[in-house]
Amino acid sequence: MKRTADIRRDTKETQIRARVDLDGSGQAALATGIGFFDHMLDQIARHGLIDLEIEAKGDLHIDGHHTVEDVGITLGMAVAQAVGDKKGITRYGHAYVPLDEALSRVVVDFSGRPGLHMDVAFKAGMIGGFDTQLAYEFFQGFANHAGVTLHIDNLKGDNAHHQCETIFKAFARALRMALTPDPRSAGVVPSTKGSL
């Protein structure tokens, strides 16, 4: 069964299309209008082994807030649709990722209960044209619409670019682990309740 989705979400502020293949090879085609954000989305594709296409048109003449948040929402919707009833997935994923002096940890649970717990003190307010406050908005949108519990901690870091990149890479690796089929639980929902 193919674990793919193609979601379009249009509002007065943004028009977003997200296509995902959870069993891809890490290919990405990204166009959000925010260069650093595209770089971070590419980390999700490459390190999560998710084929990812995102086209976003937003009100960047105001700022990047709506675009980044709405990409998180749309990507969350796409992942939720692609993963389906969650039968046979590992469910939990975690990763520690370093980049020079920076180190981040991300833990994800495809629980069906949205929640974001993020502890990151960025050392700069902007990375290129990307407002570092928007990392939270992206992950909040994703968690709410993918139905995941997400814990994100930057444990060390002096450079905001490194901090952010370790977060996105660790997120990708945690997703990859959680979404990997568990051969010992094929066709089984990984919950004592029988549903997630």
N, C-alpha and C. Protein backbone atom coordinates (compact mmCIF):
# COMPACT_ATOMS: atom_id res chain seq x y z
N MET A 1 0.84 -1.19 0.00
CA MET A 1 0.00 0.00 0.00
C MET A 1 0.88 1.25 0.00
N LYS A 2 0.59 2.15 -0.92
CA LYS A 2 1.40 3.38 -1.02
C LYS A 2 1.04 4.34 0.09
N ARG A 3 2.05 4.88 0.73
CA ARG A 3 1.82 5.87 1.79
C ARG A 3 2.15 7.25 1.24
N THR A 4 1.21 7.76 0.47
CA THR A 4 1.39 9.05 -0.20
C THR A 4 0.18 9.94 0.07
N ALA A 5 0.38 11.23 -0.12
CA ALA A 5 -0.73 12.19 0.00
C ALA A 5 -0.39 13.43 -0.82
N ASP A 6 -1.42 14.10 -1.26
CA ASP A 6 -1.30 15.35 -2.02
C ASP A 6 -2.38 16.28 -1.47
N ILE A 7 -1.97 17.28 -0.71
CA ILE A 7 -2.90 18.16 0.00
C ILE A 7 -2.74 19.60 -0.49
N ARG A 8 -3.86 20.24 -0.75
CA ARG A 8 -3.85 21.67 -1.08
C ARG A 8 -4.66 22.40 -0.02
N ARG A 9 -4.10 23.52 0.47
CA ARG A 9 -4.78 24.32 1.48
C ARG A 9 -4.68 25.79 1.07
N ASP A 10 -5.83 26.40 0.84
CA ASP A 10 -5.87 27.80 0.41
C ASP A 10 -6.60 28.65 1.44
N THR A 11 -5.98 29.76 1.81
CA THR A 11 -6.62 30.75 2.66
C THR A 11 -6.41 32.12 2.01
N LYS A 12 -6.92 33.16 2.65
CA LYS A 12 -6.71 34.52 2.13
C LYS A 12 -5.25 34.95 2.29
N GLU A 13 -4.51 34.23 3.14
CA GLU A 13 -3.11 34.59 3.41
C GLU A 13 -2.10 33.73 2.65
N THR A 14 -2.46 32.47 2.41
CA THR A 14 -1.51 31.55 1.77
C THR A 14 -2.23 30.56 0.86
N GLN A 15 -1.47 30.07 -0.11
CA GLN A 15 -1.90 28.95 -0.94
C GLN A 15 -0.76 27.93 -0.90
N ILE A 16 -1.05 26.77 -0.32
CA ILE A 16 -0.01 25.77 -0.08
C ILE A 16 -0.42 24.45 -0.73
N ARG A 17 0.55 23.80 -1.36
CA ARG A 17 0.35 22.42 -1.82
C ARG A 17 1.50 21.59 -1.29
N ALA A 18 1.18 20.48 -0.66
CA ALA A 18 2.20 19.57 -0.12
C ALA A 18 1.93 18.17 -0.63
N ARG A 19 2.97 17.57 -1.21
CA ARG A 19 2.89 16.17 -1.65
C ARG A 19 3.96 15.40 -0.90
N VAL A 20 3.59 14.24 -0.35
CA VAL A 20 4.55 13.42 0.40
C VAL A 20 4.48 11.96 -0.03
N ASP A 21 5.62 11.32 0.01
CA ASP A 21 5.73 9.87 -0.11
C ASP A 21 6.58 9.42 1.07
N LEU A 22 5.94 8.79 2.05
CA LEU A 22 6.63 8.42 3.28
C LEU A 22 7.66 7.32 3.07
N ASP A 23 7.60 6.64 1.93
CA ASP A 23 8.55 5.57 1.63
C ASP A 23 9.45 5.97 0.46
N GLY A 24 9.80 7.23 0.42
CA GLY A 24 10.61 7.76 -0.67
C GLY A 24 12.10 7.58 -0.43
N SER A 25 12.87 8.36 -1.18
CA SER A 25 14.33 8.29 -1.09
C SER A 25 14.95 9.62 -0.67
N GLY A 26 14.11 10.57 -0.26
CA GLY A 26 14.62 11.86 0.22
C GLY A 26 14.68 12.93 -0.84
N GLN A 27 13.92 12.76 -1.92
CA GLN A 27 13.89 13.77 -2.98
C GLN A 27 13.01 14.93 -2.54
N ALA A 28 13.40 16.15 -2.93
CA ALA A 28 12.65 17.33 -2.52
C ALA A 28 12.56 18.34 -3.66
N ALA A 29 11.40 18.97 -3.77
CA ALA A 29 11.17 20.11 -4.65
C ALA A 29 10.44 21.14 -3.81
N LEU A 30 11.11 22.23 -3.47
CA LEU A 30 10.62 23.17 -2.46
C LEU A 30 10.62 24.59 -2.98
N ALA A 31 9.53 25.29 -2.76
CA ALA A 31 9.45 26.69 -3.18
C ALA A 31 8.49 27.42 -2.24
N THR A 32 9.05 27.94 -1.13
CA THR A 32 8.23 28.68 -0.17
C THR A 32 8.46 30.18 -0.25
N GLY A 33 9.49 30.60 -0.94
CA GLY A 33 9.84 32.01 -0.98
C GLY A 33 10.75 32.43 0.15
N ILE A 34 11.08 31.50 1.05
CA ILE A 34 11.99 31.78 2.18
C ILE A 34 13.13 30.79 2.07
N GLY A 35 14.29 31.26 1.64
CA GLY A 35 15.40 30.38 1.32
C GLY A 35 15.83 29.47 2.46
N PHE A 36 16.00 30.02 3.64
CA PHE A 36 16.45 29.19 4.76
C PHE A 36 15.39 28.16 5.14
N PHE A 37 14.12 28.52 5.04
CA PHE A 37 13.05 27.57 5.34
C PHE A 37 13.07 26.42 4.35
N ASP A 38 13.29 26.71 3.07
CA ASP A 38 13.44 25.64 2.08
C ASP A 38 14.59 24.71 2.46
N HIS A 39 15.67 25.29 2.94
CA HIS A 39 16.83 24.50 3.38
C HIS A 39 16.45 23.57 4.53
N MET A 40 15.62 24.05 5.45
CA MET A 40 15.19 23.21 6.57
C MET A 40 14.23 22.12 6.12
N LEU A 41 13.31 22.44 5.22
CA LEU A 41 12.40 21.43 4.69
C LEU A 41 13.16 20.35 3.94
N ASP A 42 14.24 20.76 3.28
CA ASP A 42 15.08 19.78 2.57
C ASP A 42 15.70 18.79 3.56
N GLN A 43 16.01 19.25 4.77
CA GLN A 43 16.54 18.35 5.80
C GLN A 43 15.50 17.28 6.15
N ILE A 44 14.23 17.68 6.22
CA ILE A 44 13.17 16.71 6.53
C ILE A 44 13.12 15.62 5.47
N ALA A 45 13.19 16.05 4.21
CA ALA A 45 13.14 15.08 3.11
C ALA A 45 14.36 14.16 3.14
N ARG A 46 15.55 14.75 3.15
CA ARG A 46 16.80 13.97 3.02
C ARG A 46 17.01 13.02 4.18
N HIS A 47 16.83 13.54 5.39
CA HIS A 47 17.15 12.73 6.57
C HIS A 47 15.96 11.87 7.02
N GLY A 48 14.75 12.22 6.57
CA GLY A 48 13.59 11.41 6.88
C GLY A 48 13.28 10.38 5.81
N LEU A 49 14.03 10.46 4.68
CA LEU A 49 13.77 9.62 3.51
C LEU A 49 12.30 9.71 3.09
N ILE A 50 11.82 10.96 3.08
CA ILE A 50 10.47 11.28 2.65
C ILE A 50 10.59 12.09 1.36
N ASP A 51 9.96 11.65 0.29
CA ASP A 51 9.90 12.49 -0.91
C ASP A 51 8.89 13.59 -0.62
N LEU A 52 9.33 14.83 -0.85
CA LEU A 52 8.56 15.98 -0.40
C LEU A 52 8.53 17.06 -1.47
N GLU A 53 7.34 17.49 -1.81
CA GLU A 53 7.16 18.63 -2.70
C GLU A 53 6.28 19.64 -1.99
N ILE A 54 6.77 20.86 -1.89
CA ILE A 54 5.98 21.93 -1.27
C ILE A 54 6.05 23.16 -2.15
N GLU A 55 4.88 23.65 -2.52
CA GLU A 55 4.74 24.91 -3.24
C GLU A 55 3.93 25.83 -2.34
N ALA A 56 4.47 27.00 -2.04
CA ALA A 56 3.78 27.92 -1.14
C ALA A 56 3.83 29.34 -1.70
N LYS A 57 2.68 29.96 -1.72
CA LYS A 57 2.58 31.39 -2.04
C LYS A 57 1.90 32.04 -0.86
N GLY A 58 2.60 32.98 -0.23
CA GLY A 58 2.05 33.60 0.96
C GLY A 58 2.30 35.10 0.96
N ASP A 59 1.79 35.74 2.01
CA ASP A 59 1.89 37.19 2.13
C ASP A 59 3.25 37.59 2.72
N LEU A 60 4.31 37.27 1.97
CA LEU A 60 5.66 37.55 2.45
C LEU A 60 5.96 39.05 2.50
N HIS A 61 5.13 39.85 1.85
CA HIS A 61 5.30 41.31 1.96
C HIS A 61 5.00 41.78 3.39
N ILE A 62 4.27 40.95 4.15
CA ILE A 62 4.03 41.26 5.57
C ILE A 62 5.18 40.66 6.39
N ASP A 63 5.27 39.36 6.41
CA ASP A 63 6.41 38.64 6.97
C ASP A 63 6.21 37.16 6.65
N GLY A 64 7.06 36.31 7.21
CA GLY A 64 7.00 34.89 6.88
C GLY A 64 6.07 34.07 7.74
N HIS A 65 5.41 34.70 8.72
CA HIS A 65 4.66 33.95 9.73
C HIS A 65 3.60 33.04 9.11
N HIS A 66 2.70 33.61 8.31
CA HIS A 66 1.60 32.81 7.77
C HIS A 66 2.10 31.69 6.87
N THR A 67 3.12 31.99 6.08
CA THR A 67 3.66 30.98 5.16
C THR A 67 4.25 29.81 5.93
N VAL A 68 5.09 30.08 6.91
CA VAL A 68 5.75 29.01 7.66
C VAL A 68 4.74 28.20 8.46
N GLU A 69 3.84 28.87 9.15
CA GLU A 69 2.83 28.17 9.94
C GLU A 69 1.94 27.31 9.04
N ASP A 70 1.51 27.86 7.92
CA ASP A 70 0.59 27.14 7.05
C ASP A 70 1.26 25.98 6.31
N VAL A 71 2.55 26.09 6.05
CA VAL A 71 3.28 24.94 5.52
C VAL A 71 3.31 23.83 6.56
N GLY A 72 3.52 24.18 7.83
CA GLY A 72 3.48 23.18 8.91
C GLY A 72 2.13 22.49 8.98
N ILE A 73 1.07 23.27 8.89
CA ILE A 73 -0.29 22.72 8.93
C ILE A 73 -0.52 21.77 7.76
N THR A 74 -0.17 22.23 6.56
CA THR A 74 -0.43 21.44 5.36
C THR A 74 0.42 20.18 5.33
N LEU A 75 1.68 20.30 5.73
CA LEU A 75 2.53 19.10 5.80
C LEU A 75 2.00 18.12 6.83
N GLY A 76 1.53 18.61 7.97
CA GLY A 76 0.94 17.74 8.98
C GLY A 76 -0.27 17.01 8.44
N MET A 77 -1.13 17.71 7.71
CA MET A 77 -2.30 17.09 7.10
C MET A 77 -1.89 16.00 6.11
N ALA A 78 -0.85 16.28 5.32
CA ALA A 78 -0.39 15.32 4.32
C ALA A 78 0.18 14.07 4.98
N VAL A 79 0.98 14.24 6.02
CA VAL A 79 1.56 13.09 6.72
C VAL A 79 0.45 12.26 7.37
N ALA A 80 -0.52 12.93 7.99
CA ALA A 80 -1.63 12.20 8.62
C ALA A 80 -2.39 11.37 7.59
N GLN A 81 -2.64 11.95 6.41
CA GLN A 81 -3.36 11.20 5.38
C GLN A 81 -2.52 10.04 4.86
N ALA A 82 -1.22 10.29 4.66
CA ALA A 82 -0.35 9.25 4.11
C ALA A 82 -0.17 8.08 5.07
N VAL A 83 -0.11 8.34 6.36
CA VAL A 83 0.13 7.26 7.33
C VAL A 83 -1.15 6.45 7.59
N GLY A 84 -2.29 7.05 7.34
CA GLY A 84 -3.55 6.31 7.43
C GLY A 84 -3.88 5.85 8.84
N ASP A 85 -4.27 4.58 8.99
CA ASP A 85 -4.73 4.07 10.29
C ASP A 85 -3.58 3.70 11.24
N LYS A 86 -2.35 3.87 10.78
CA LYS A 86 -1.14 3.66 11.58
C LYS A 86 -0.84 2.19 11.88
N LYS A 87 -1.57 1.29 11.25
CA LYS A 87 -1.29 -0.13 11.47
C LYS A 87 0.13 -0.46 11.01
N GLY A 88 0.86 -1.14 11.89
CA GLY A 88 2.17 -1.64 11.53
C GLY A 88 3.32 -0.67 11.66
N ILE A 89 3.06 0.60 12.03
CA ILE A 89 4.18 1.54 12.18
C ILE A 89 4.85 1.35 13.53
N THR A 90 6.08 1.84 13.64
CA THR A 90 6.80 1.76 14.91
C THR A 90 6.17 2.67 15.96
N ARG A 91 5.58 3.76 15.55
CA ARG A 91 4.85 4.74 16.35
C ARG A 91 5.75 5.76 17.04
N TYR A 92 6.76 5.32 17.74
CA TYR A 92 7.65 6.23 18.46
C TYR A 92 8.95 6.41 17.68
N GLY A 93 9.48 7.62 17.74
CA GLY A 93 10.78 7.85 17.15
C GLY A 93 11.54 8.90 17.94
N HIS A 94 12.85 8.77 17.93
CA HIS A 94 13.68 9.75 18.63
C HIS A 94 15.02 9.87 17.91
N ALA A 95 15.66 11.02 18.08
CA ALA A 95 16.98 11.22 17.48
C ALA A 95 17.72 12.34 18.19
N TYR A 96 19.02 12.14 18.32
CA TYR A 96 19.95 13.19 18.71
C TYR A 96 20.77 13.51 17.48
N VAL A 97 20.90 14.81 17.14
CA VAL A 97 21.70 15.20 15.99
C VAL A 97 22.62 16.36 16.37
N PRO A 98 23.93 16.20 16.12
CA PRO A 98 24.88 17.30 16.34
C PRO A 98 25.19 18.03 15.04
N LEU A 99 25.62 19.25 15.14
CA LEU A 99 26.23 19.99 14.05
C LEU A 99 27.24 20.93 14.70
N ASP A 100 28.50 20.57 14.59
CA ASP A 100 29.56 21.32 15.26
C ASP A 100 29.22 21.46 16.75
N GLU A 101 29.06 22.69 17.24
CA GLU A 101 28.85 22.89 18.68
C GLU A 101 27.40 22.65 19.12
N ALA A 102 26.49 22.52 18.16
CA ALA A 102 25.06 22.41 18.48
C ALA A 102 24.63 20.94 18.58
N LEU A 103 23.67 20.70 19.45
CA LEU A 103 23.13 19.36 19.65
C LEU A 103 21.65 19.47 19.99
N SER A 104 20.82 18.72 19.26
CA SER A 104 19.39 18.74 19.53
C SER A 104 18.83 17.32 19.64
N ARG A 105 17.74 17.23 20.39
CA ARG A 105 17.03 15.96 20.58
C ARG A 105 15.56 16.18 20.21
N VAL A 106 15.01 15.27 19.42
CA VAL A 106 13.59 15.31 19.09
C VAL A 106 13.00 13.92 19.33
N VAL A 107 11.83 13.91 19.97
CA VAL A 107 11.09 12.68 20.23
C VAL A 107 9.67 12.87 19.72
N VAL A 108 9.16 11.88 18.97
CA VAL A 108 7.83 11.99 18.39
C VAL A 108 7.02 10.73 18.71
N ASP A 109 5.73 10.92 18.91
CA ASP A 109 4.80 9.83 19.15
C ASP A 109 3.58 10.06 18.26
N PHE A 110 3.29 9.12 17.36
CA PHE A 110 2.09 9.21 16.53
C PHE A 110 0.90 8.74 17.35
N SER A 111 0.59 9.51 18.37
CA SER A 111 -0.38 9.13 19.40
C SER A 111 -1.81 9.48 19.03
N GLY A 112 -1.99 10.39 18.08
CA GLY A 112 -3.32 10.93 17.83
C GLY A 112 -3.66 12.07 18.77
N ARG A 113 -2.76 12.38 19.69
CA ARG A 113 -2.98 13.47 20.65
C ARG A 113 -1.96 14.57 20.35
N PRO A 114 -2.40 15.65 19.72
CA PRO A 114 -1.46 16.70 19.33
C PRO A 114 -0.86 17.40 20.54
N GLY A 115 0.44 17.61 20.49
CA GLY A 115 1.10 18.37 21.55
C GLY A 115 2.51 18.70 21.15
N LEU A 116 2.91 19.93 21.40
CA LEU A 116 4.28 20.36 21.14
C LEU A 116 4.88 20.87 22.43
N HIS A 117 6.05 20.35 22.76
CA HIS A 117 6.82 20.80 23.92
C HIS A 117 8.21 21.13 23.38
N MET A 118 8.51 22.41 23.27
CA MET A 118 9.73 22.84 22.58
C MET A 118 10.53 23.76 23.49
N ASP A 119 11.79 23.39 23.70
CA ASP A 119 12.70 24.18 24.54
C ASP A 119 13.93 24.53 23.72
N VAL A 120 13.88 25.68 23.09
CA VAL A 120 14.97 26.14 22.23
C VAL A 120 15.19 27.62 22.49
N ALA A 121 16.39 27.98 22.86
CA ALA A 121 16.75 29.40 23.05
C ALA A 121 17.70 29.79 21.91
N PHE A 122 17.12 30.25 20.83
CA PHE A 122 17.95 30.63 19.67
C PHE A 122 18.87 31.79 20.02
N LYS A 123 20.10 31.72 19.50
CA LYS A 123 21.09 32.75 19.80
C LYS A 123 20.96 33.97 18.90
N ALA A 124 20.06 33.92 17.91
CA ALA A 124 19.81 35.05 17.04
C ALA A 124 18.34 35.05 16.65
N GLY A 125 17.81 36.23 16.36
CA GLY A 125 16.40 36.36 16.00
C GLY A 125 16.12 36.03 14.55
N MET A 126 17.12 36.20 13.71
CA MET A 126 16.93 35.94 12.28
C MET A 126 18.07 35.07 11.76
N ILE A 127 17.72 34.16 10.83
CA ILE A 127 18.71 33.40 10.09
C ILE A 127 18.40 33.67 8.63
N GLY A 128 19.20 34.50 8.00
CA GLY A 128 18.85 34.97 6.65
C GLY A 128 17.51 35.68 6.73
N GLY A 129 16.54 35.25 5.93
CA GLY A 129 15.21 35.86 5.95
C GLY A 129 14.23 35.09 6.80
N PHE A 130 14.73 34.22 7.68
CA PHE A 130 13.87 33.36 8.50
C PHE A 130 13.89 33.83 9.95
N ASP A 131 12.72 34.19 10.46
CA ASP A 131 12.56 34.58 11.86
C ASP A 131 12.57 33.31 12.71
N THR A 132 13.51 33.20 13.64
CA THR A 132 13.65 31.96 14.40
C THR A 132 12.41 31.63 15.25
N GLN A 133 11.60 32.63 15.58
CA GLN A 133 10.35 32.35 16.30
C GLN A 133 9.40 31.46 15.49
N LEU A 134 9.59 31.46 14.17
CA LEU A 134 8.68 30.72 13.31
C LEU A 134 8.94 29.22 13.32
N ALA A 135 10.08 28.79 13.83
CA ALA A 135 10.32 27.35 13.98
C ALA A 135 9.24 26.75 14.86
N TYR A 136 8.92 27.44 15.95
CA TYR A 136 7.86 26.96 16.85
C TYR A 136 6.53 26.89 16.11
N GLU A 137 6.21 27.91 15.33
CA GLU A 137 4.92 27.95 14.61
C GLU A 137 4.82 26.81 13.61
N PHE A 138 5.93 26.49 12.93
CA PHE A 138 5.94 25.38 11.99
C PHE A 138 5.63 24.06 12.71
N PHE A 139 6.36 23.80 13.78
CA PHE A 139 6.19 22.53 14.48
C PHE A 139 4.82 22.45 15.18
N GLN A 140 4.31 23.57 15.66
CA GLN A 140 2.97 23.59 16.25
C GLN A 140 1.92 23.23 15.22
N GLY A 141 2.01 23.84 14.03
CA GLY A 141 1.08 23.51 12.96
C GLY A 141 1.17 22.05 12.56
N PHE A 142 2.40 21.55 12.46
CA PHE A 142 2.59 20.14 12.09
C PHE A 142 1.99 19.22 13.15
N ALA A 143 2.34 19.42 14.41
CA ALA A 143 1.87 18.54 15.49
C ALA A 143 0.35 18.52 15.56
N ASN A 144 -0.27 19.68 15.45
CA ASN A 144 -1.72 19.76 15.55
C ASN A 144 -2.42 18.99 14.45
N HIS A 145 -1.85 19.02 13.24
CA HIS A 145 -2.56 18.45 12.09
C HIS A 145 -2.08 17.05 11.72
N ALA A 146 -0.90 16.66 12.19
CA ALA A 146 -0.46 15.27 12.01
C ALA A 146 -0.96 14.41 13.17
N GLY A 147 -1.38 15.06 14.26
CA GLY A 147 -1.85 14.31 15.43
C GLY A 147 -0.73 13.62 16.17
N VAL A 148 0.38 14.36 16.36
CA VAL A 148 1.53 13.78 17.05
C VAL A 148 1.85 14.55 18.31
N THR A 149 2.46 13.85 19.25
CA THR A 149 3.10 14.50 20.39
C THR A 149 4.56 14.67 20.02
N LEU A 150 5.08 15.88 20.20
CA LEU A 150 6.41 16.22 19.71
C LEU A 150 7.18 16.96 20.80
N HIS A 151 8.34 16.41 21.17
CA HIS A 151 9.23 17.06 22.13
C HIS A 151 10.50 17.46 21.40
N ILE A 152 10.84 18.73 21.46
CA ILE A 152 12.02 19.27 20.76
C ILE A 152 12.87 20.03 21.77
N ASP A 153 14.12 19.61 21.90
CA ASP A 153 15.03 20.27 22.83
C ASP A 153 16.36 20.54 22.14
N ASN A 154 16.79 21.79 22.14
CA ASN A 154 18.15 22.12 21.73
C ASN A 154 19.00 22.08 23.00
N LEU A 155 19.90 21.13 23.06
CA LEU A 155 20.68 20.90 24.28
C LEU A 155 21.91 21.78 24.36
N LYS A 156 22.48 22.12 23.20
CA LYS A 156 23.66 22.98 23.14
C LYS A 156 23.62 23.74 21.83
N GLY A 157 24.30 24.88 21.80
CA GLY A 157 24.43 25.59 20.54
C GLY A 157 24.72 27.06 20.73
N ASP A 158 25.66 27.58 19.96
CA ASP A 158 26.01 29.00 19.99
C ASP A 158 25.65 29.71 18.70
N ASN A 159 25.38 28.94 17.64
CA ASN A 159 25.09 29.50 16.33
C ASN A 159 23.65 29.14 15.96
N ALA A 160 22.82 30.14 15.69
CA ALA A 160 21.40 29.90 15.45
C ALA A 160 21.16 29.01 14.24
N HIS A 161 21.97 29.16 13.20
CA HIS A 161 21.84 28.31 12.02
C HIS A 161 22.07 26.84 12.41
N HIS A 162 23.11 26.60 13.18
CA HIS A 162 23.40 25.24 13.63
C HIS A 162 22.29 24.70 14.53
N GLN A 163 21.81 25.54 15.45
CA GLN A 163 20.73 25.13 16.34
C GLN A 163 19.51 24.68 15.54
N CYS A 164 19.10 25.52 14.60
CA CYS A 164 17.89 25.23 13.82
C CYS A 164 18.09 23.99 12.95
N GLU A 165 19.25 23.88 12.35
CA GLU A 165 19.49 22.74 11.46
C GLU A 165 19.49 21.42 12.24
N THR A 166 20.05 21.42 13.44
CA THR A 166 20.03 20.18 14.23
C THR A 166 18.61 19.81 14.63
N ILE A 167 17.78 20.80 14.89
CA ILE A 167 16.38 20.54 15.23
C ILE A 167 15.66 19.87 14.07
N PHE A 168 15.80 20.44 12.88
CA PHE A 168 15.09 19.88 11.72
C PHE A 168 15.64 18.51 11.32
N LYS A 169 16.94 18.33 11.43
CA LYS A 169 17.51 17.02 11.11
C LYS A 169 17.05 15.97 12.11
N ALA A 170 17.05 16.32 13.39
CA ALA A 170 16.60 15.37 14.42
C ALA A 170 15.12 15.06 14.25
N PHE A 171 14.34 16.07 13.89
CA PHE A 171 12.92 15.86 13.60
C PHE A 171 12.75 14.85 12.47
N ALA A 172 13.54 15.02 11.43
CA ALA A 172 13.47 14.12 10.28
C ALA A 172 13.80 12.69 10.68
N ARG A 173 14.87 12.52 11.43
CA ARG A 173 15.28 11.17 11.83
C ARG A 173 14.27 10.53 12.78
N ALA A 174 13.68 11.33 13.67
CA ALA A 174 12.65 10.81 14.57
C ALA A 174 11.41 10.39 13.79
N LEU A 175 11.01 11.20 12.81
CA LEU A 175 9.88 10.83 11.95
C LEU A 175 10.15 9.52 11.23
N ARG A 176 11.35 9.43 10.67
CA ARG A 176 11.72 8.23 9.92
C ARG A 176 11.61 6.98 10.79
N MET A 177 12.08 7.06 12.02
CA MET A 177 12.00 5.92 12.93
C MET A 177 10.54 5.59 13.25
N ALA A 178 9.75 6.60 13.58
CA ALA A 178 8.37 6.37 13.99
C ALA A 178 7.52 5.79 12.86
N LEU A 179 7.80 6.22 11.63
CA LEU A 179 6.99 5.81 10.49
C LEU A 179 7.45 4.50 9.85
N THR A 180 8.60 4.01 10.27
CA THR A 180 9.11 2.76 9.71
C THR A 180 8.20 1.60 10.10
N PRO A 181 7.81 0.77 9.14
CA PRO A 181 7.00 -0.40 9.48
C PRO A 181 7.75 -1.34 10.42
N ASP A 182 7.04 -1.85 11.40
CA ASP A 182 7.60 -2.80 12.36
C ASP A 182 7.20 -4.20 11.91
N PRO A 183 8.14 -5.02 11.42
CA PRO A 183 7.79 -6.32 10.88
C PRO A 183 7.15 -7.25 11.91
N ARG A 184 7.37 -7.00 13.19
CA ARG A 184 6.78 -7.84 14.23
C ARG A 184 5.35 -7.44 14.57
N SER A 185 4.92 -6.27 14.03
CA SER A 185 3.57 -5.78 14.31
C SER A 185 2.81 -5.46 13.03
N ALA A 186 3.08 -6.21 11.97
CA ALA A 186 2.43 -5.95 10.69
C ALA A 186 0.92 -6.04 10.83
N GLY A 187 0.23 -4.98 10.37
CA GLY A 187 -1.22 -4.98 10.40
C GLY A 187 -1.83 -4.70 11.76
N VAL A 188 -1.00 -4.38 12.74
CA VAL A 188 -1.48 -4.14 14.10
C VAL A 188 -1.28 -2.67 14.46
N VAL A 189 -2.30 -2.07 15.06
CA VAL A 189 -2.17 -0.71 15.57
C VAL A 189 -1.34 -0.75 16.84
N PRO A 190 -0.24 0.03 16.92
CA PRO A 190 0.64 -0.04 18.08
C PRO A 190 0.08 0.69 19.31
N SER A 191 -0.99 0.13 19.86
CA SER A 191 -1.61 0.71 21.05
C SER A 191 -2.43 -0.36 21.75
N THR A 192 -2.43 -0.33 23.07
CA THR A 192 -3.25 -1.27 23.83
C THR A 192 -4.73 -0.95 23.67
N LYS A 193 -5.04 0.27 23.23
CA LYS A 193 -6.44 0.66 23.01
C LYS A 193 -6.99 0.10 21.69
N GLY A 194 -6.07 -0.26 20.79
CA GLY A 194 -6.50 -0.78 19.49
C GLY A 194 -6.72 0.28 18.44
N SER A 195 -6.53 1.55 18.81
CA SER A 195 -6.65 2.65 17.84
C SER A 195 -5.81 3.82 18.33
N LEU A 196 -5.39 4.63 17.35
CA LEU A 196 -4.60 5.83 17.67
C LEU A 196 -5.24 7.02 16.98
